[in-house]
């Protein structure tokens, strides 16, 4: 799995960070998403998919083509 974030789309809701703090963080100054792990371990895949699905701005995309 590869994870991509579009910081220009991010609205700073923080749901991704709450769901998968090992994969996502937020910038202190504006809350925009920061990708910590672009290729998370298999055990994190379900929660990363959920984070992408619930992102209100659609700023997170996931590819299974690692």
PDB file of N, CA and C in Angstrom:
ATOM      1  N   UNK A   1       0.833  -1.179   0.000  1.00  0.00           N
ATOM      2  CA  UNK A   1       0.000   0.000   0.000  1.00  0.00           C
ATOM      3  C   UNK A   1       0.879   1.244   0.000  1.00  0.00           C
ATOM      4  N   UNK A   2       0.475   2.210  -0.828  1.00  0.00           N
ATOM      5  CA  UNK A   2       1.102   3.525  -0.819  1.00  0.00           C
ATOM      6  C   UNK A   2       0.038   4.554  -0.478  1.00  0.00           C
ATOM      7  N   UNK A   3       0.416   5.500   0.343  1.00  0.00           N
ATOM      8  CA  UNK A   3      -0.492   6.547   0.784  1.00  0.00           C
ATOM      9  C   UNK A   3       0.011   7.878   0.242  1.00  0.00           C
ATOM     10  N   UNK A   4      -0.925   8.681  -0.239  1.00  0.00           N
ATOM     11  CA  UNK A   4      -0.597   9.996  -0.768  1.00  0.00           C
ATOM     12  C   UNK A   4      -1.515  11.023  -0.113  1.00  0.00           C
ATOM     13  N   UNK A   5      -0.982  12.193   0.158  1.00  0.00           N
ATOM     14  CA  UNK A   5      -1.811  13.283   0.677  1.00  0.00           C
ATOM     15  C   UNK A   5      -1.648  14.513  -0.218  1.00  0.00           C
ATOM     16  N   UNK A   6      -2.736  15.227  -0.374  1.00  0.00           N
ATOM     17  CA  UNK A   6      -2.729  16.480  -1.120  1.00  0.00           C
ATOM     18  C   UNK A   6      -2.927  17.600  -0.102  1.00  0.00           C
ATOM     19  N   UNK A   7      -1.841  18.207   0.303  1.00  0.00           N
ATOM     20  CA  UNK A   7      -1.915  19.248   1.323  1.00  0.00           C
ATOM     21  C   UNK A   7      -2.742  20.442   0.870  1.00  0.00           C
ATOM     22  N   UNK A   8      -2.840  20.663  -0.436  1.00  0.00           N
ATOM     23  CA  UNK A   8      -3.639  21.780  -0.935  1.00  0.00           C
ATOM     24  C   UNK A   8      -5.136  21.551  -0.722  1.00  0.00           C
ATOM     25  N   UNK A   9      -5.553  20.285  -0.673  1.00  0.00           N
ATOM     26  CA  UNK A   9      -6.959  19.958  -0.443  1.00  0.00           C
ATOM     27  C   UNK A   9      -7.311  19.894   1.045  1.00  0.00           C
ATOM     28  N   UNK A  10      -6.330  19.625   1.887  1.00  0.00           N
ATOM     29  CA  UNK A  10      -6.565  19.383   3.306  1.00  0.00           C
ATOM     30  C   UNK A  10      -7.230  20.581   3.975  1.00  0.00           C
ATOM     31  N   UNK A  11      -8.262  20.287   4.793  1.00  0.00           N
ATOM     32  CA  UNK A  11      -8.958  21.349   5.515  1.00  0.00           C
ATOM     33  C   UNK A  11      -8.612  21.353   7.005  1.00  0.00           C
ATOM     34  N   UNK A  12      -7.720  20.442   7.417  1.00  0.00           N
ATOM     35  CA  UNK A  12      -7.248  20.430   8.799  1.00  0.00           C
ATOM     36  C   UNK A  12      -8.213  19.824   9.805  1.00  0.00           C
ATOM     37  N   UNK A  13      -9.121  18.971   9.351  1.00  0.00           N
ATOM     38  CA  UNK A  13     -10.102  18.368  10.265  1.00  0.00           C
ATOM     39  C   UNK A  13      -9.433  17.476  11.313  1.00  0.00           C
ATOM     40  N   UNK A  14      -8.355  16.788  10.949  1.00  0.00           N
ATOM     41  CA  UNK A  14      -7.599  15.991  11.901  1.00  0.00           C
ATOM     42  C   UNK A  14      -8.107  14.583  12.131  1.00  0.00           C
ATOM     43  N   UNK A  15      -9.137  14.175  11.421  1.00  0.00           N
ATOM     44  CA  UNK A  15      -9.673  12.823  11.590  1.00  0.00           C
ATOM     45  C   UNK A  15      -8.625  11.768  11.281  1.00  0.00           C
ATOM     46  N   UNK A  16      -7.816  12.004  10.274  1.00  0.00           N
ATOM     47  CA  UNK A  16      -6.781  11.040   9.894  1.00  0.00           C
ATOM     48  C   UNK A  16      -5.780  10.833  11.027  1.00  0.00           C
ATOM     49  N   UNK A  17      -5.427  11.900  11.702  1.00  0.00           N
ATOM     50  CA  UNK A  17      -4.468  11.828  12.804  1.00  0.00           C
ATOM     51  C   UNK A  17      -5.068  11.059  13.983  1.00  0.00           C
ATOM     52  N   UNK A  18      -6.337  11.291  14.241  1.00  0.00           N
ATOM     53  CA  UNK A  18      -6.994  10.572  15.333  1.00  0.00           C
ATOM     54  C   UNK A  18      -7.086   9.076  15.033  1.00  0.00           C
ATOM     55  N   UNK A  19      -7.335   8.739  13.774  1.00  0.00           N
ATOM     56  CA  UNK A  19      -7.466   7.331  13.401  1.00  0.00           C
ATOM     57  C   UNK A  19      -6.119   6.628  13.273  1.00  0.00           C
ATOM     58  N   UNK A  20      -5.155   7.279  12.662  1.00  0.00           N
ATOM     59  CA  UNK A  20      -3.878   6.627  12.364  1.00  0.00           C
ATOM     60  C   UNK A  20      -2.698   7.558  12.675  1.00  0.00           C
ATOM     61  N   UNK A  21      -2.421   7.787  13.960  1.00  0.00           N
ATOM     62  CA  UNK A  21      -1.359   8.721  14.331  1.00  0.00           C
ATOM     63  C   UNK A  21       0.049   8.260  13.958  1.00  0.00           C
ATOM     64  N   UNK A  22       0.210   6.986  13.632  1.00  0.00           N
ATOM     65  CA  UNK A  22       1.512   6.498  13.174  1.00  0.00           C
ATOM     66  C   UNK A  22       1.753   6.818  11.707  1.00  0.00           C
ATOM     67  N   UNK A  23       0.693   7.185  11.009  1.00  0.00           N
ATOM     68  CA  UNK A  23       0.781   7.439   9.572  1.00  0.00           C
ATOM     69  C   UNK A  23       0.619   8.920   9.249  1.00  0.00           C
ATOM     70  N   UNK A  24      -0.218   9.617  10.012  1.00  0.00           N
ATOM     71  CA  UNK A  24      -0.524  11.021   9.736  1.00  0.00           C
ATOM     72  C   UNK A  24      -0.238  11.899  10.952  1.00  0.00           C
ATOM     73  N   UNK A  25       0.123  13.135  10.661  1.00  0.00           N
ATOM     74  CA  UNK A  25       0.262  14.165  11.687  1.00  0.00           C
ATOM     75  C   UNK A  25      -0.273  15.456  11.079  1.00  0.00           C
ATOM     76  N   UNK A  26      -0.241  16.525  11.856  1.00  0.00           N
ATOM     77  CA  UNK A  26      -0.673  17.825  11.368  1.00  0.00           C
ATOM     78  C   UNK A  26       0.387  18.869  11.669  1.00  0.00           C
ATOM     79  N   UNK A  27       0.522  19.825  10.743  1.00  0.00           N
ATOM     80  CA  UNK A  27       1.437  20.934  10.986  1.00  0.00           C
ATOM     81  C   UNK A  27       0.904  21.785  12.128  1.00  0.00           C
ATOM     82  N   UNK A  28       1.800  22.215  12.993  1.00  0.00           N
ATOM     83  CA  UNK A  28       1.403  23.017  14.154  1.00  0.00           C
ATOM     84  C   UNK A  28       0.773  24.354  13.749  1.00  0.00           C
ATOM     85  N   UNK A  29       1.312  24.966  12.709  1.00  0.00           N
ATOM     86  CA  UNK A  29       0.881  26.324  12.387  1.00  0.00           C
ATOM     87  C   UNK A  29      -0.503  26.410  11.749  1.00  0.00           C
ATOM     88  N   UNK A  30      -0.941  25.351  11.036  1.00  0.00           N
ATOM     89  CA  UNK A  30      -2.232  25.468  10.347  1.00  0.00           C
ATOM     90  C   UNK A  30      -3.058  24.175  10.333  1.00  0.00           C
ATOM     91  N   UNK A  31      -2.555  23.111  10.916  1.00  0.00           N
ATOM     92  CA  UNK A  31      -3.319  21.869  10.997  1.00  0.00           C
ATOM     93  C   UNK A  31      -3.354  21.035   9.736  1.00  0.00           C
ATOM     94  N   UNK A  32      -2.602  21.431   8.733  1.00  0.00           N
ATOM     95  CA  UNK A  32      -2.583  20.685   7.475  1.00  0.00           C
ATOM     96  C   UNK A  32      -1.886  19.342   7.681  1.00  0.00           C
ATOM     97  N   UNK A  33      -2.402  18.327   7.008  1.00  0.00           N
ATOM     98  CA  UNK A  33      -1.899  16.967   7.152  1.00  0.00           C
ATOM     99  C   UNK A  33      -0.426  16.848   6.741  1.00  0.00           C
ATOM    100  N   UNK A  34       0.277  16.003   7.491  1.00  0.00           N
ATOM    101  CA  UNK A  34       1.662  15.641   7.183  1.00  0.00           C
ATOM    102  C   UNK A  34       1.705  14.117   7.136  1.00  0.00           C
ATOM    103  N   UNK A  35       2.228  13.567   6.073  1.00  0.00           N
ATOM    104  CA  UNK A  35       2.336  12.120   5.926  1.00  0.00           C
ATOM    105  C   UNK A  35       3.614  11.644   6.610  1.00  0.00           C
ATOM    106  N   UNK A  36       3.464  10.796   7.615  1.00  0.00           N
ATOM    107  CA  UNK A  36       4.613  10.270   8.340  1.00  0.00           C
ATOM    108  C   UNK A  36       5.123   8.960   7.746  1.00  0.00           C
ATOM    109  N   UNK A  37       4.219   8.182   7.158  1.00  0.00           N
ATOM    110  CA  UNK A  37       4.581   6.867   6.633  1.00  0.00           C
ATOM    111  C   UNK A  37       3.800   6.604   5.355  1.00  0.00           C
ATOM    112  N   UNK A  38       4.458   6.741   4.226  1.00  0.00           N
ATOM    113  CA  UNK A  38       3.819   6.557   2.929  1.00  0.00           C
ATOM    114  C   UNK A  38       3.602   5.113   2.537  1.00  0.00           C
ATOM    115  N   UNK A  39       4.208   4.185   3.283  1.00  0.00           N
ATOM    116  CA  UNK A  39       4.024   2.758   3.028  1.00  0.00           C
ATOM    117  C   UNK A  39       3.840   2.040   4.368  1.00  0.00           C
ATOM    118  N   UNK A  40       2.673   2.220   4.985  1.00  0.00           N
ATOM    119  CA  UNK A  40       2.446   1.645   6.311  1.00  0.00           C
ATOM    120  C   UNK A  40       2.398   0.120   6.281  1.00  0.00           C
ATOM    121  N   UNK A  41       2.664  -0.467   7.429  1.00  0.00           N
ATOM    122  CA  UNK A  41       2.636  -1.925   7.543  1.00  0.00           C
ATOM    123  C   UNK A  41       1.219  -2.443   7.295  1.00  0.00           C
ATOM    124  N   UNK A  42       1.143  -3.700   6.951  1.00  0.00           N
ATOM    125  CA  UNK A  42      -0.133  -4.306   6.576  1.00  0.00           C
ATOM    126  C   UNK A  42      -1.187  -4.193   7.682  1.00  0.00           C
ATOM    127  N   UNK A  43      -0.766  -4.246   8.916  1.00  0.00           N
ATOM    128  CA  UNK A  43      -1.695  -4.134  10.023  1.00  0.00           C
ATOM    129  C   UNK A  43      -2.402  -2.790  10.099  1.00  0.00           C
ATOM    130  N   UNK A  44      -1.813  -1.770   9.500  1.00  0.00           N
ATOM    131  CA  UNK A  44      -2.410  -0.436   9.502  1.00  0.00           C
ATOM    132  C   UNK A  44      -3.306  -0.169   8.298  1.00  0.00           C
ATOM    133  N   UNK A  45      -3.287  -1.046   7.318  1.00  0.00           N
ATOM    134  CA  UNK A  45      -4.034  -0.810   6.076  1.00  0.00           C
ATOM    135  C   UNK A  45      -5.515  -0.517   6.301  1.00  0.00           C
ATOM    136  N   UNK A  46      -6.226  -1.299   7.121  1.00  0.00           N
ATOM    137  CA  UNK A  46      -7.665  -1.007   7.289  1.00  0.00           C
ATOM    138  C   UNK A  46      -7.934   0.383   7.868  1.00  0.00           C
ATOM    139  N   UNK A  47      -7.155   0.802   8.838  1.00  0.00           N
ATOM    140  CA  UNK A  47      -7.406   2.100   9.460  1.00  0.00           C
ATOM    141  C   UNK A  47      -6.985   3.247   8.537  1.00  0.00           C
ATOM    142  N   UNK A  48      -5.957   3.026   7.725  1.00  0.00           N
ATOM    143  CA  UNK A  48      -5.545   4.042   6.752  1.00  0.00           C
ATOM    144  C   UNK A  48      -6.618   4.196   5.678  1.00  0.00           C
ATOM    145  N   UNK A  49      -7.201   3.086   5.237  1.00  0.00           N
ATOM    146  CA  UNK A  49      -8.301   3.157   4.270  1.00  0.00           C
ATOM    147  C   UNK A  49      -9.489   3.923   4.864  1.00  0.00           C
ATOM    148  N   UNK A  50      -9.775   3.659   6.128  1.00  0.00           N
ATOM    149  CA  UNK A  50     -10.868   4.373   6.794  1.00  0.00           C
ATOM    150  C   UNK A  50     -10.567   5.866   6.851  1.00  0.00           C
ATOM    151  N   UNK A  51      -9.327   6.218   7.194  1.00  0.00           N
ATOM    152  CA  UNK A  51      -8.942   7.633   7.245  1.00  0.00           C
ATOM    153  C   UNK A  51      -9.140   8.298   5.888  1.00  0.00           C
ATOM    154  N   UNK A  52      -8.765   7.605   4.829  1.00  0.00           N
ATOM    155  CA  UNK A  52      -8.952   8.156   3.482  1.00  0.00           C
ATOM    156  C   UNK A  52     -10.433   8.316   3.166  1.00  0.00           C
ATOM    157  N   UNK A  53     -11.235   7.338   3.567  1.00  0.00           N
ATOM    158  CA  UNK A  53     -12.669   7.373   3.265  1.00  0.00           C
ATOM    159  C   UNK A  53     -13.412   8.468   4.028  1.00  0.00           C
ATOM    160  N   UNK A  54     -12.981   8.770   5.240  1.00  0.00           N
ATOM    161  CA  UNK A  54     -13.698   9.765   6.041  1.00  0.00           C
ATOM    162  C   UNK A  54     -13.120  11.172   5.919  1.00  0.00           C
ATOM    163  N   UNK A  55     -12.027  11.324   5.205  1.00  0.00           N
ATOM    164  CA  UNK A  55     -11.438  12.654   5.035  1.00  0.00           C
ATOM    165  C   UNK A  55     -12.449  13.572   4.353  1.00  0.00           C
ATOM    166  N   UNK A  56     -12.887  14.634   5.029  1.00  0.00           N
ATOM    167  CA  UNK A  56     -13.920  15.499   4.450  1.00  0.00           C
ATOM    168  C   UNK A  56     -13.474  16.243   3.193  1.00  0.00           C
ATOM    169  N   UNK A  57     -12.175  16.397   3.019  1.00  0.00           N
ATOM    170  CA  UNK A  57     -11.674  17.134   1.856  1.00  0.00           C
ATOM    171  C   UNK A  57     -11.187  16.201   0.736  1.00  0.00           C
ATOM    172  N   UNK A  58     -11.166  14.905   0.996  1.00  0.00           N
ATOM    173  CA  UNK A  58     -10.666  13.969  -0.011  1.00  0.00           C
ATOM    174  C   UNK A  58      -9.179  14.147  -0.267  1.00  0.00           C
ATOM    175  N   UNK A  59      -8.443  14.549   0.759  1.00  0.00           N
ATOM    176  CA  UNK A  59      -7.025  14.857   0.610  1.00  0.00           C
ATOM    177  C   UNK A  59      -6.114  13.627   0.685  1.00  0.00           C
ATOM    178  N   UNK A  60      -6.682  12.465   1.045  1.00  0.00           N
ATOM    179  CA  UNK A  60      -5.883  11.252   1.208  1.00  0.00           C
ATOM    180  C   UNK A  60      -6.287  10.236   0.154  1.00  0.00           C
ATOM    181  N   UNK A  61      -5.314   9.716  -0.549  1.00  0.00           N
ATOM    182  CA  UNK A  61      -5.581   8.632  -1.492  1.00  0.00           C
ATOM    183  C   UNK A  61      -4.662   7.461  -1.168  1.00  0.00           C
ATOM    184  N   UNK A  62      -5.155   6.281  -1.500  1.00  0.00           N
ATOM    185  CA  UNK A  62      -4.446   5.048  -1.203  1.00  0.00           C
ATOM    186  C   UNK A  62      -4.339   4.229  -2.465  1.00  0.00           C
ATOM    187  N   UNK A  63      -3.170   3.654  -2.702  1.00  0.00           N
ATOM    188  CA  UNK A  63      -2.949   2.775  -3.840  1.00  0.00           C
ATOM    189  C   UNK A  63      -2.464   1.425  -3.338  1.00  0.00           C
ATOM    190  N   UNK A  64      -3.058   0.374  -3.837  1.00  0.00           N
ATOM    191  CA  UNK A  64      -2.614  -0.958  -3.464  1.00  0.00           C
ATOM    192  C   UNK A  64      -1.448  -1.434  -4.313  1.00  0.00           C
ATOM    193  N   UNK A  65      -1.041  -0.653  -5.273  1.00  0.00           N
ATOM    194  CA  UNK A  65       0.097  -0.977  -6.133  1.00  0.00           C
ATOM    195  C   UNK A  65       1.375  -0.490  -5.479  1.00  0.00           C
ATOM    196  N   UNK A  66       1.872  -1.273  -4.529  1.00  0.00           N
ATOM    197  CA  UNK A  66       3.093  -0.880  -3.823  1.00  0.00           C
ATOM    198  C   UNK A  66       4.222  -1.107  -4.729  1.00  0.00           C
TER     199      UNK A  66
END
